[in-house]
PDB file of N, CA and C in Angstrom:
ATOM      1  N   UNK A   1     -81.593 131.130  22.762  1.00  0.00           N
ATOM      2  CA  UNK A   1     -81.326 132.018  21.649  1.00  0.00           C
ATOM      3  C   UNK A   1     -82.528 132.949  21.503  1.00  0.00           C
ATOM      4  N   UNK A   2     -82.247 134.228  21.419  1.00  0.00           N
ATOM      5  CA  UNK A   2     -83.338 135.185  21.325  1.00  0.00           C
ATOM      6  C   UNK A   2     -83.864 135.260  19.898  1.00  0.00           C
ATOM      7  N   UNK A   3     -85.049 135.837  19.776  1.00  0.00           N
ATOM      8  CA  UNK A   3     -85.674 135.959  18.463  1.00  0.00           C
ATOM      9  C   UNK A   3     -84.868 136.885  17.561  1.00  0.00           C
ATOM     10  N   UNK A   4     -84.296 137.928  18.137  1.00  0.00           N
ATOM     11  CA  UNK A   4     -83.486 138.865  17.362  1.00  0.00           C
ATOM     12  C   UNK A   4     -82.242 138.166  16.805  1.00  0.00           C
ATOM     13  N   UNK A   5     -81.623 137.352  17.619  1.00  0.00           N
ATOM     14  CA  UNK A   5     -80.451 136.610  17.187  1.00  0.00           C
ATOM     15  C   UNK A   5     -80.808 135.624  16.074  1.00  0.00           C
ATOM     16  N   UNK A   6     -81.956 134.979  16.174  1.00  0.00           N
ATOM     17  CA  UNK A   6     -82.407 134.039  15.154  1.00  0.00           C
ATOM     18  C   UNK A   6     -82.579 134.739  13.812  1.00  0.00           C
ATOM     19  N   UNK A   7     -83.260 135.890  13.798  1.00  0.00           N
ATOM     20  CA  UNK A   7     -83.493 136.603  12.545  1.00  0.00           C
ATOM     21  C   UNK A   7     -82.200 137.172  11.974  1.00  0.00           C
ATOM     22  N   UNK A   8     -81.280 137.543  12.834  1.00  0.00           N
ATOM     23  CA  UNK A   8     -79.987 138.035  12.360  1.00  0.00           C
ATOM     24  C   UNK A   8     -79.224 136.903  11.667  1.00  0.00           C
ATOM     25  N   UNK A   9     -79.241 135.723  12.251  1.00  0.00           N
ATOM     26  CA  UNK A   9     -78.577 134.580  11.637  1.00  0.00           C
ATOM     27  C   UNK A   9     -79.266 134.170  10.339  1.00  0.00           C
ATOM     28  N   UNK A  10     -80.578 134.229  10.317  1.00  0.00           N
ATOM     29  CA  UNK A  10     -81.326 133.914   9.106  1.00  0.00           C
ATOM     30  C   UNK A  10     -80.978 134.890   7.996  1.00  0.00           C
ATOM     31  N   UNK A  11     -80.853 136.163   8.329  1.00  0.00           N
ATOM     32  CA  UNK A  11     -80.460 137.180   7.345  1.00  0.00           C
ATOM     33  C   UNK A  11     -79.066 136.899   6.802  1.00  0.00           C
ATOM     34  N   UNK A  12     -78.126 136.563   7.678  1.00  0.00           N
ATOM     35  CA  UNK A  12     -76.756 136.304   7.247  1.00  0.00           C
ATOM     36  C   UNK A  12     -76.682 135.095   6.323  1.00  0.00           C
ATOM     37  N   UNK A  13     -77.436 134.063   6.615  1.00  0.00           N
ATOM     38  CA  UNK A  13     -77.434 132.872   5.773  1.00  0.00           C
ATOM     39  C   UNK A  13     -78.088 133.157   4.421  1.00  0.00           C
ATOM     40  N   UNK A  14     -79.158 133.934   4.421  1.00  0.00           N
ATOM     41  CA  UNK A  14     -79.853 134.196   3.162  1.00  0.00           C
ATOM     42  C   UNK A  14     -79.062 135.111   2.237  1.00  0.00           C
ATOM     43  N   UNK A  15     -78.173 135.930   2.774  1.00  0.00           N
ATOM     44  CA  UNK A  15     -77.380 136.805   1.906  1.00  0.00           C
ATOM     45  C   UNK A  15     -76.297 136.043   1.155  1.00  0.00           C
ATOM     46  N   UNK A  16     -75.964 134.846   1.599  1.00  0.00           N
ATOM     47  CA  UNK A  16     -74.928 134.065   0.913  1.00  0.00           C
ATOM     48  C   UNK A  16     -75.344 133.762  -0.519  1.00  0.00           C
ATOM     49  N   UNK A  17     -76.535 133.272  -0.704  1.00  0.00           N
ATOM     50  CA  UNK A  17     -77.023 132.959  -2.051  1.00  0.00           C
ATOM     51  C   UNK A  17     -77.115 134.188  -2.931  1.00  0.00           C
ATOM     52  N   UNK A  18     -77.636 135.273  -2.363  1.00  0.00           N
ATOM     53  CA  UNK A  18     -77.736 136.508  -3.141  1.00  0.00           C
ATOM     54  C   UNK A  18     -76.368 137.016  -3.551  1.00  0.00           C
ATOM     55  N   UNK A  19     -75.400 136.941  -2.667  1.00  0.00           N
ATOM     56  CA  UNK A  19     -74.054 137.428  -2.964  1.00  0.00           C
ATOM     57  C   UNK A  19     -73.438 136.663  -4.125  1.00  0.00           C
ATOM     58  N   UNK A  20     -73.556 135.344  -4.105  1.00  0.00           N
ATOM     59  CA  UNK A  20     -72.987 134.542  -5.178  1.00  0.00           C
ATOM     60  C   UNK A  20     -73.663 134.826  -6.520  1.00  0.00           C
ATOM     61  N   UNK A  21     -74.984 134.897  -6.521  1.00  0.00           N
ATOM     62  CA  UNK A  21     -75.719 135.120  -7.765  1.00  0.00           C
ATOM     63  C   UNK A  21     -75.475 136.527  -8.306  1.00  0.00           C
ATOM     64  N   UNK A  22     -75.538 137.519  -7.446  1.00  0.00           N
ATOM     65  CA  UNK A  22     -75.378 138.903  -7.903  1.00  0.00           C
ATOM     66  C   UNK A  22     -73.969 139.154  -8.414  1.00  0.00           C
ATOM     67  N   UNK A  23     -72.942 138.668  -7.714  1.00  0.00           N
ATOM     68  CA  UNK A  23     -71.576 138.907  -8.188  1.00  0.00           C
ATOM     69  C   UNK A  23     -71.323 138.193  -9.513  1.00  0.00           C
ATOM     70  N   UNK A  24     -71.885 137.006  -9.692  1.00  0.00           N
ATOM     71  CA  UNK A  24     -71.751 136.300 -10.967  1.00  0.00           C
ATOM     72  C   UNK A  24     -72.458 137.063 -12.081  1.00  0.00           C
ATOM     73  N   UNK A  25     -73.659 137.538 -11.814  1.00  0.00           N
ATOM     74  CA  UNK A  25     -74.414 138.282 -12.823  1.00  0.00           C
ATOM     75  C   UNK A  25     -73.725 139.595 -13.176  1.00  0.00           C
ATOM     76  N   UNK A  26     -73.188 140.296 -12.189  1.00  0.00           N
ATOM     77  CA  UNK A  26     -72.498 141.566 -12.456  1.00  0.00           C
ATOM     78  C   UNK A  26     -71.263 141.322 -13.316  1.00  0.00           C
ATOM     79  N   UNK A  27     -70.505 140.278 -13.010  1.00  0.00           N
ATOM     80  CA  UNK A  27     -69.341 139.946 -13.828  1.00  0.00           C
ATOM     81  C   UNK A  27     -69.737 139.612 -15.256  1.00  0.00           C
ATOM     82  N   UNK A  28     -70.794 138.842 -15.424  1.00  0.00           N
ATOM     83  CA  UNK A  28     -71.285 138.497 -16.758  1.00  0.00           C
ATOM     84  C   UNK A  28     -71.735 139.737 -17.518  1.00  0.00           C
ATOM     85  N   UNK A  29     -72.489 140.602 -16.858  1.00  0.00           N
ATOM     86  CA  UNK A  29     -72.989 141.815 -17.510  1.00  0.00           C
ATOM     87  C   UNK A  29     -71.847 142.762 -17.900  1.00  0.00           C
ATOM     88  N   UNK A  30     -70.854 142.884 -17.034  1.00  0.00           N
ATOM     89  CA  UNK A  30     -69.717 143.746 -17.351  1.00  0.00           C
ATOM     90  C   UNK A  30     -68.936 143.204 -18.546  1.00  0.00           C
ATOM     91  N   UNK A  31     -68.697 141.912 -18.573  1.00  0.00           N
ATOM     92  CA  UNK A  31     -67.974 141.309 -19.690  1.00  0.00           C
ATOM     93  C   UNK A  31     -68.731 141.436 -20.992  1.00  0.00           C
ATOM     94  N   UNK A  32     -70.036 141.200 -20.946  1.00  0.00           N
ATOM     95  CA  UNK A  32     -70.849 141.326 -22.156  1.00  0.00           C
ATOM     96  C   UNK A  32     -70.871 142.777 -22.640  1.00  0.00           C
ATOM     97  N   UNK A  33     -70.998 143.704 -21.695  1.00  0.00           N
ATOM     98  CA  UNK A  33     -71.004 145.119 -22.060  1.00  0.00           C
ATOM     99  C   UNK A  33     -69.680 145.558 -22.660  1.00  0.00           C
ATOM    100  N   UNK A  34     -68.592 145.090 -22.100  1.00  0.00           N
ATOM    101  CA  UNK A  34     -67.282 145.437 -22.662  1.00  0.00           C
ATOM    102  C   UNK A  34     -67.080 144.808 -24.040  1.00  0.00           C
ATOM    103  N   UNK A  35     -67.529 143.581 -24.228  1.00  0.00           N
ATOM    104  CA  UNK A  35     -67.463 142.963 -25.556  1.00  0.00           C
ATOM    105  C   UNK A  35     -68.254 143.775 -26.573  1.00  0.00           C
ATOM    106  N   UNK A  36     -69.447 144.177 -26.185  1.00  0.00           N
ATOM    107  CA  UNK A  36     -70.292 144.983 -27.071  1.00  0.00           C
ATOM    108  C   UNK A  36     -69.628 146.322 -27.389  1.00  0.00           C
ATOM    109  N   UNK A  37     -69.094 146.993 -26.357  1.00  0.00           N
ATOM    110  CA  UNK A  37     -68.469 148.298 -26.551  1.00  0.00           C
ATOM    111  C   UNK A  37     -67.224 148.187 -27.425  1.00  0.00           C
ATOM    112  N   UNK A  38     -66.420 147.165 -27.201  1.00  0.00           N
ATOM    113  CA  UNK A  38     -65.215 146.993 -28.010  1.00  0.00           C
ATOM    114  C   UNK A  38     -65.567 146.754 -29.475  1.00  0.00           C
ATOM    115  N   UNK A  39     -66.629 146.005 -29.728  1.00  0.00           N
ATOM    116  CA  UNK A  39     -67.032 145.699 -31.100  1.00  0.00           C
ATOM    117  C   UNK A  39     -67.661 146.903 -31.791  1.00  0.00           C
ATOM    118  N   UNK A  40     -68.560 147.590 -31.110  1.00  0.00           N
ATOM    119  CA  UNK A  40     -69.313 148.678 -31.748  1.00  0.00           C
ATOM    120  C   UNK A  40     -68.536 149.983 -31.807  1.00  0.00           C
ATOM    121  N   UNK A  41     -67.829 150.330 -30.744  1.00  0.00           N
ATOM    122  CA  UNK A  41     -67.212 151.649 -30.678  1.00  0.00           C
ATOM    123  C   UNK A  41     -65.764 151.659 -31.153  1.00  0.00           C
ATOM    124  N   UNK A  42     -65.030 150.621 -30.846  1.00  0.00           N
ATOM    125  CA  UNK A  42     -63.614 150.609 -31.190  1.00  0.00           C
ATOM    126  C   UNK A  42     -63.351 149.752 -32.423  1.00  0.00           C
ATOM    127  N   UNK A  43     -64.179 148.761 -32.663  1.00  0.00           N
ATOM    128  CA  UNK A  43     -64.035 147.916 -33.835  1.00  0.00           C
ATOM    129  C   UNK A  43     -63.192 146.670 -33.594  1.00  0.00           C
ATOM    130  N   UNK A  44     -62.868 146.386 -32.359  1.00  0.00           N
ATOM    131  CA  UNK A  44     -62.098 145.193 -32.031  1.00  0.00           C
ATOM    132  C   UNK A  44     -63.066 144.114 -31.570  1.00  0.00           C
ATOM    133  N   UNK A  45     -63.026 142.983 -32.253  1.00  0.00           N
ATOM    134  CA  UNK A  45     -63.954 141.893 -31.906  1.00  0.00           C
ATOM    135  C   UNK A  45     -63.330 141.008 -30.833  1.00  0.00           C
ATOM    136  N   UNK A  46     -63.858 141.092 -29.619  1.00  0.00           N
ATOM    137  CA  UNK A  46     -63.351 140.306 -28.490  1.00  0.00           C
ATOM    138  C   UNK A  46     -64.361 139.281 -28.002  1.00  0.00           C
ATOM    139  N   UNK A  47     -65.524 139.250 -28.618  1.00  0.00           N
ATOM    140  CA  UNK A  47     -66.586 138.350 -28.168  1.00  0.00           C
ATOM    141  C   UNK A  47     -66.153 136.915 -28.344  1.00  0.00           C
ATOM    142  N   UNK A  48     -66.275 136.038 -27.463  1.00  0.00           N
ATOM    143  CA  UNK A  48     -66.841 136.011 -26.125  1.00  0.00           C
ATOM    144  C   UNK A  48     -65.790 136.088 -25.014  1.00  0.00           C
ATOM    145  N   UNK A  49     -64.551 136.461 -25.330  1.00  0.00           N
ATOM    146  CA  UNK A  49     -63.465 136.338 -24.368  1.00  0.00           C
ATOM    147  C   UNK A  49     -63.620 137.246 -23.153  1.00  0.00           C
ATOM    148  N   UNK A  50     -64.025 138.482 -23.338  1.00  0.00           N
ATOM    149  CA  UNK A  50     -64.213 139.357 -22.169  1.00  0.00           C
ATOM    150  C   UNK A  50     -65.405 138.904 -21.325  1.00  0.00           C
ATOM    151  N   UNK A  51     -66.428 138.377 -21.994  1.00  0.00           N
ATOM    152  CA  UNK A  51     -67.580 137.858 -21.253  1.00  0.00           C
ATOM    153  C   UNK A  51     -67.155 136.694 -20.362  1.00  0.00           C
ATOM    154  N   UNK A  52     -66.379 135.781 -20.905  1.00  0.00           N
ATOM    155  CA  UNK A  52     -65.915 134.632 -20.138  1.00  0.00           C
ATOM    156  C   UNK A  52     -64.987 135.076 -19.010  1.00  0.00           C
ATOM    157  N   UNK A  53     -64.068 135.977 -19.320  1.00  0.00           N
ATOM    158  CA  UNK A  53     -63.122 136.462 -18.309  1.00  0.00           C
ATOM    159  C   UNK A  53     -63.840 137.117 -17.136  1.00  0.00           C
ATOM    160  N   UNK A  54     -64.775 138.028 -17.432  1.00  0.00           N
ATOM    161  CA  UNK A  54     -65.473 138.726 -16.354  1.00  0.00           C
ATOM    162  C   UNK A  54     -66.469 137.824 -15.634  1.00  0.00           C
ATOM    163  N   UNK A  55     -66.999 136.829 -16.316  1.00  0.00           N
ATOM    164  CA  UNK A  55     -67.850 135.844 -15.639  1.00  0.00           C
ATOM    165  C   UNK A  55     -67.030 135.094 -14.595  1.00  0.00           C
ATOM    166  N   UNK A  56     -65.833 134.664 -14.967  1.00  0.00           N
ATOM    167  CA  UNK A  56     -64.959 133.958 -14.022  1.00  0.00           C
ATOM    168  C   UNK A  56     -64.563 134.881 -12.867  1.00  0.00           C
ATOM    169  N   UNK A  57     -64.256 136.144 -13.175  1.00  0.00           N
ATOM    170  CA  UNK A  57     -63.913 137.095 -12.118  1.00  0.00           C
ATOM    171  C   UNK A  57     -65.097 137.334 -11.173  1.00  0.00           C
ATOM    172  N   UNK A  58     -66.302 137.373 -11.703  1.00  0.00           N
ATOM    173  CA  UNK A  58     -67.494 137.526 -10.869  1.00  0.00           C
ATOM    174  C   UNK A  58     -67.708 136.336  -9.957  1.00  0.00           C
ATOM    175  N   UNK A  59     -67.471 135.137 -10.470  1.00  0.00           N
ATOM    176  CA  UNK A  59     -67.602 133.936  -9.650  1.00  0.00           C
ATOM    177  C   UNK A  59     -66.545 133.935  -8.544  1.00  0.00           C
ATOM    178  N   UNK A  60     -65.321 134.311  -8.900  1.00  0.00           N
ATOM    179  CA  UNK A  60     -64.259 134.382  -7.894  1.00  0.00           C
ATOM    180  C   UNK A  60     -64.604 135.413  -6.825  1.00  0.00           C
ATOM    181  N   UNK A  61     -65.125 136.559  -7.236  1.00  0.00           N
ATOM    182  CA  UNK A  61     -65.503 137.592  -6.268  1.00  0.00           C
ATOM    183  C   UNK A  61     -66.608 137.102  -5.337  1.00  0.00           C
ATOM    184  N   UNK A  62     -67.559 136.349  -5.873  1.00  0.00           N
ATOM    185  CA  UNK A  62     -68.627 135.802  -5.041  1.00  0.00           C
ATOM    186  C   UNK A  62     -68.106 134.830  -3.998  1.00  0.00           C
ATOM    187  N   UNK A  63     -67.205 133.945  -4.398  1.00  0.00           N
ATOM    188  CA  UNK A  63     -66.653 132.995  -3.441  1.00  0.00           C
ATOM    189  C   UNK A  63     -65.718 133.678  -2.448  1.00  0.00           C
ATOM    190  N   UNK A  64     -65.039 134.728  -2.896  1.00  0.00           N
ATOM    191  CA  UNK A  64     -64.188 135.484  -1.965  1.00  0.00           C
ATOM    192  C   UNK A  64     -65.050 136.146  -0.887  1.00  0.00           C
ATOM    193  N   UNK A  65     -66.156 136.709  -1.293  1.00  0.00           N
ATOM    194  CA  UNK A  65     -67.067 137.334  -0.325  1.00  0.00           C
ATOM    195  C   UNK A  65     -67.676 136.276   0.598  1.00  0.00           C
ATOM    196  N   UNK A  66     -67.984 135.118   0.063  1.00  0.00           N
ATOM    197  CA  UNK A  66     -68.484 134.010   0.878  1.00  0.00           C
ATOM    198  C   UNK A  66     -67.441 133.602   1.919  1.00  0.00           C
ATOM    199  N   UNK A  67     -66.189 133.533   1.526  1.00  0.00           N
ATOM    200  CA  UNK A  67     -65.111 133.192   2.455  1.00  0.00           C
ATOM    201  C   UNK A  67     -64.980 134.252   3.545  1.00  0.00           C
ATOM    202  N   UNK A  68     -65.073 135.524   3.161  1.00  0.00           N
ATOM    203  CA  UNK A  68     -64.983 136.601   4.151  1.00  0.00           C
ATOM    204  C   UNK A  68     -66.140 136.527   5.143  1.00  0.00           C
ATOM    205  N   UNK A  69     -67.340 136.183   4.665  1.00  0.00           N
ATOM    206  CA  UNK A  69     -68.480 136.040   5.564  1.00  0.00           C
ATOM    207  C   UNK A  69     -68.270 134.873   6.528  1.00  0.00           C
ATOM    208  N   UNK A  70     -67.708 133.790   6.028  1.00  0.00           N
ATOM    209  CA  UNK A  70     -67.511 132.605   6.863  1.00  0.00           C
ATOM    210  C   UNK A  70     -66.435 132.838   7.920  1.00  0.00           C
ATOM    211  N   UNK A  71     -65.430 133.634   7.601  1.00  0.00           N
ATOM    212  CA  UNK A  71     -64.334 133.871   8.536  1.00  0.00           C
ATOM    213  C   UNK A  71     -64.594 135.037   9.486  1.00  0.00           C
ATOM    214  N   UNK A  72     -65.660 135.766   9.264  1.00  0.00           N
ATOM    215  CA  UNK A  72     -65.991 136.907  10.109  1.00  0.00           C
ATOM    216  C   UNK A  72     -66.382 136.420  11.502  1.00  0.00           C
ATOM    217  N   UNK A  73     -65.735 136.950  12.533  1.00  0.00           N
ATOM    218  CA  UNK A  73     -66.084 136.489  13.883  1.00  0.00           C
ATOM    219  C   UNK A  73     -67.495 136.929  14.270  1.00  0.00           C
ATOM    220  N   UNK A  74     -68.158 136.092  14.990  1.00  0.00           N
ATOM    221  CA  UNK A  74     -69.510 136.388  15.461  1.00  0.00           C
ATOM    222  C   UNK A  74     -69.418 137.319  16.656  1.00  0.00           C
ATOM    223  N   UNK A  75     -69.966 138.511  16.534  1.00  0.00           N
ATOM    224  CA  UNK A  75     -69.899 139.503  17.610  1.00  0.00           C
ATOM    225  C   UNK A  75     -70.856 139.175  18.752  1.00  0.00           C
ATOM    226  N   UNK A  76     -71.947 138.502  18.431  1.00  0.00           N
ATOM    227  CA  UNK A  76     -72.962 138.234  19.440  1.00  0.00           C
ATOM    228  C   UNK A  76     -72.681 136.967  20.251  1.00  0.00           C
ATOM    229  N   UNK A  77     -71.676 136.224  19.871  1.00  0.00           N
ATOM    230  CA  UNK A  77     -71.429 134.988  20.593  1.00  0.00           C
ATOM    231  C   UNK A  77     -70.901 135.289  21.989  1.00  0.00           C
ATOM    232  N   UNK A  78     -71.399 134.561  22.942  1.00  0.00           N
ATOM    233  CA  UNK A  78     -71.016 134.767  24.323  1.00  0.00           C
ATOM    234  C   UNK A  78     -69.867 133.830  24.671  1.00  0.00           C
ATOM    235  N   UNK A  79     -68.926 134.289  25.485  1.00  0.00           N
ATOM    236  CA  UNK A  79     -67.858 133.371  25.909  1.00  0.00           C
ATOM    237  C   UNK A  79     -68.448 132.297  26.810  1.00  0.00           C
ATOM    238  N   UNK A  80     -67.859 131.121  26.799  1.00  0.00           N
ATOM    239  CA  UNK A  80     -68.417 130.049  27.638  1.00  0.00           C
ATOM    240  C   UNK A  80     -68.349 130.431  29.122  1.00  0.00           C
ATOM    241  N   UNK A  81     -69.378 130.059  29.812  1.00  0.00           N
ATOM    242  CA  UNK A  81     -69.475 130.331  31.241  1.00  0.00           C
ATOM    243  C   UNK A  81     -68.632 129.309  31.987  1.00  0.00           C
ATOM    244  N   UNK A  82     -67.703 129.776  32.812  1.00  0.00           N
ATOM    245  CA  UNK A  82     -66.809 128.869  33.521  1.00  0.00           C
ATOM    246  C   UNK A  82     -67.560 128.001  34.545  1.00  0.00           C
ATOM    247  N   UNK A  83     -68.671 128.499  35.030  1.00  0.00           N
ATOM    248  CA  UNK A  83     -69.421 127.718  36.025  1.00  0.00           C
ATOM    249  C   UNK A  83     -70.033 126.462  35.398  1.00  0.00           C
ATOM    250  N   UNK A  84     -70.374 126.528  34.109  1.00  0.00           N
ATOM    251  CA  UNK A  84     -70.996 125.395  33.447  1.00  0.00           C
ATOM    252  C   UNK A  84     -69.976 124.377  32.943  1.00  0.00           C
ATOM    253  N   UNK A  85     -68.701 124.680  33.022  1.00  0.00           N
ATOM    254  CA  UNK A  85     -67.688 123.749  32.544  1.00  0.00           C
ATOM    255  C   UNK A  85     -67.393 122.710  33.526  1.00  0.00           C
TER     256      UNK A  85
END
């Protein structure tokens, strides 16, 4: 395994944690912001329901992206050598 391949795999593995955390945080922030906007600007009190809804949607989006990363075919993988079989 070459050094370039090692660092590429290390990068792919390290992005998994960031993807889950960032998508969860974005969902939470969007829900909180919408709750705040609905209360202050429109006068409809939705707190904490939009926060909870968007938090769950953010978690689902993170796991969906994790699934897509796991199912993505490896482009650098070499086909097995028939001579070694």
